[in-house]
Amino acid sequence: MKIFFTLLLTITSLLSSEIKVGAEDTAIYLPLLKSKNIAVVVNHASLVHQEHLVDLLLKHNIQVKRIFAPEHGFRGKADAGEHLKNGVDAKSGLPIISLYGKHKKPSKQDLEGID
């Protein structure tokens, strides 16, 4: 009986534990990004507590210089299979480089000025 209750308490504890994604642990990575020029590969699901990772980084004065976006685009507005062109994010003003279609990875030029 004692084993049953121990097991039950352990399972209950595990089920009630909050799952934390790595991006939520800002105390670890924000200090490493200070004074760096960074680029991010993100999509609309790159959220930290319902806030987009790029918006969070900018709020913490991280120098995000470029956004690389896969299918569906950075903010998730594009339909599946839709051809995405490079552009500018209306909210942040940052340049967005599409990594969909023939341009599947950043070029050397895309990464100029990025630490």
Protein backbone atom coordinates (compact mmCIF):
# COMPACT_ATOMS: atom_id res chain seq x y z
CA MET A 1 0.00 0.00 0.00
CA LYS A 2 2.86 2.38 0.83
CA ILE A 3 4.38 1.83 -2.62
CA PHE A 4 1.04 2.61 -4.25
CA PHE A 5 0.75 5.97 -2.46
CA THR A 6 4.37 6.84 -3.20
CA LEU A 7 3.81 6.06 -6.86
CA LEU A 8 0.53 8.02 -6.87
CA LEU A 9 2.22 11.08 -5.31
CA THR A 10 5.07 10.89 -7.81
CA ILE A 11 2.73 10.66 -10.80
CA THR A 12 0.55 13.49 -9.46
CA SER A 13 3.62 15.64 -8.96
CA LEU A 14 4.85 14.97 -12.49
CA LEU A 15 1.47 15.67 -14.05
CA SER A 16 1.06 18.94 -12.19
CA SER A 17 4.57 20.14 -13.07
CA GLU A 18 4.59 22.94 -15.56
CA ILE A 19 6.36 22.18 -18.81
CA LYS A 20 8.88 24.89 -19.62
CA VAL A 21 10.36 25.39 -23.07
CA GLY A 22 13.98 26.48 -23.38
CA ALA A 23 13.10 29.92 -24.77
CA GLU A 24 11.37 30.71 -21.47
CA ASP A 25 14.69 30.50 -19.63
CA THR A 26 15.72 34.02 -20.63
CA ALA A 27 18.14 34.42 -17.71
CA ILE A 28 20.45 31.94 -19.41
CA TYR A 29 20.56 33.29 -22.95
CA LEU A 30 19.72 37.01 -22.83
CA PRO A 31 23.08 37.97 -21.24
CA LEU A 32 24.85 36.06 -24.04
CA LEU A 33 23.00 38.08 -26.69
CA LYS A 34 23.63 41.55 -25.25
CA SER A 35 25.81 43.68 -27.55
CA LYS A 36 25.51 41.10 -30.37
CA ASN A 37 23.88 41.56 -33.76
CA ILE A 38 21.66 38.54 -34.18
CA ALA A 39 19.39 36.95 -36.74
CA VAL A 40 16.67 34.46 -35.89
CA VAL A 41 14.94 31.64 -37.72
CA VAL A 42 11.37 31.79 -36.43
CA ASN A 43 7.77 31.29 -37.41
CA HIS A 44 4.44 32.26 -35.91
CA ALA A 45 4.69 29.52 -33.28
CA SER A 46 7.93 30.89 -31.79
CA LEU A 47 6.21 32.06 -28.62
CA VAL A 48 7.34 32.64 -25.07
CA HIS A 49 4.36 33.05 -22.73
CA GLN A 50 2.09 34.12 -25.63
CA GLU A 51 4.64 36.71 -26.84
CA HIS A 52 6.60 36.22 -30.05
CA LEU A 53 10.28 35.52 -29.42
CA VAL A 54 11.36 38.42 -31.67
CA ASP A 55 9.14 40.86 -29.78
CA LEU A 56 10.53 39.56 -26.48
CA LEU A 57 14.11 39.96 -27.66
CA LEU A 58 13.48 43.51 -28.86
CA LYS A 59 11.78 44.36 -25.55
CA HIS A 60 15.03 43.29 -23.82
CA ASN A 61 17.13 45.51 -26.14
CA ILE A 62 18.63 42.61 -28.06
CA GLN A 63 19.86 43.78 -31.47
CA VAL A 64 17.83 41.59 -33.81
CA LYS A 65 18.97 42.55 -37.32
CA ARG A 66 17.21 40.00 -39.50
CA ILE A 67 14.41 37.47 -39.40
CA PHE A 68 14.57 34.28 -41.46
CA ALA A 69 11.11 32.85 -42.03
CA PRO A 70 10.05 29.39 -43.24
CA GLU A 71 6.79 28.36 -44.94
CA HIS A 72 3.71 30.32 -43.78
CA GLY A 73 5.90 33.33 -43.07
CA PHE A 74 7.11 35.00 -39.92
CA ARG A 75 3.75 35.93 -38.45
CA GLY A 76 1.95 32.92 -39.99
CA LYS A 77 -0.12 34.88 -42.50
CA ALA A 78 0.86 32.91 -45.63
CA ASP A 79 -1.06 29.90 -46.92
CA ALA A 80 0.58 26.49 -47.33
CA GLY A 81 2.69 26.44 -50.48
CA GLU A 82 2.36 30.20 -51.03
CA HIS A 83 5.48 31.78 -52.53
CA LEU A 84 6.93 34.15 -49.95
CA LYS A 85 9.03 37.12 -50.91
CA ASN A 86 11.51 38.90 -48.69
CA GLY A 87 9.94 41.82 -46.89
CA VAL A 88 9.72 43.88 -43.74
CA ASP A 89 7.81 43.02 -40.58
CA ALA A 90 5.14 45.69 -40.07
CA LYS A 91 5.33 45.49 -36.26
CA SER A 92 9.11 45.62 -35.72
CA GLY A 93 10.37 47.10 -38.99
CA LEU A 94 12.90 44.27 -39.28
CA PRO A 95 13.83 42.76 -42.64
CA ILE A 96 12.40 39.30 -43.26
CA ILE A 97 14.22 36.86 -45.51
CA SER A 98 12.15 33.96 -46.77
CA LEU A 99 13.67 30.51 -46.37
CA TYR A 100 10.99 28.89 -48.47
CA GLY A 101 11.10 27.85 -52.10
CA LYS A 102 14.53 27.86 -53.76
CA HIS A 103 16.15 29.92 -50.98
CA LYS A 104 16.25 27.27 -48.23
CA LYS A 105 19.16 28.56 -46.18
CA PRO A 106 20.79 31.93 -45.51
CA SER A 107 23.48 33.01 -47.95
CA LYS A 108 26.76 34.63 -46.89
CA GLN A 109 25.25 37.96 -47.91
CA ASP A 110 22.18 37.30 -45.73
CA LEU A 111 24.47 36.82 -42.74
CA GLU A 112 26.67 39.90 -43.23
CA GLY A 113 26.93 41.87 -40.01
CA ILE A 114 25.50 39.07 -37.88
CA ASP A 115 27.51 37.83 -34.91
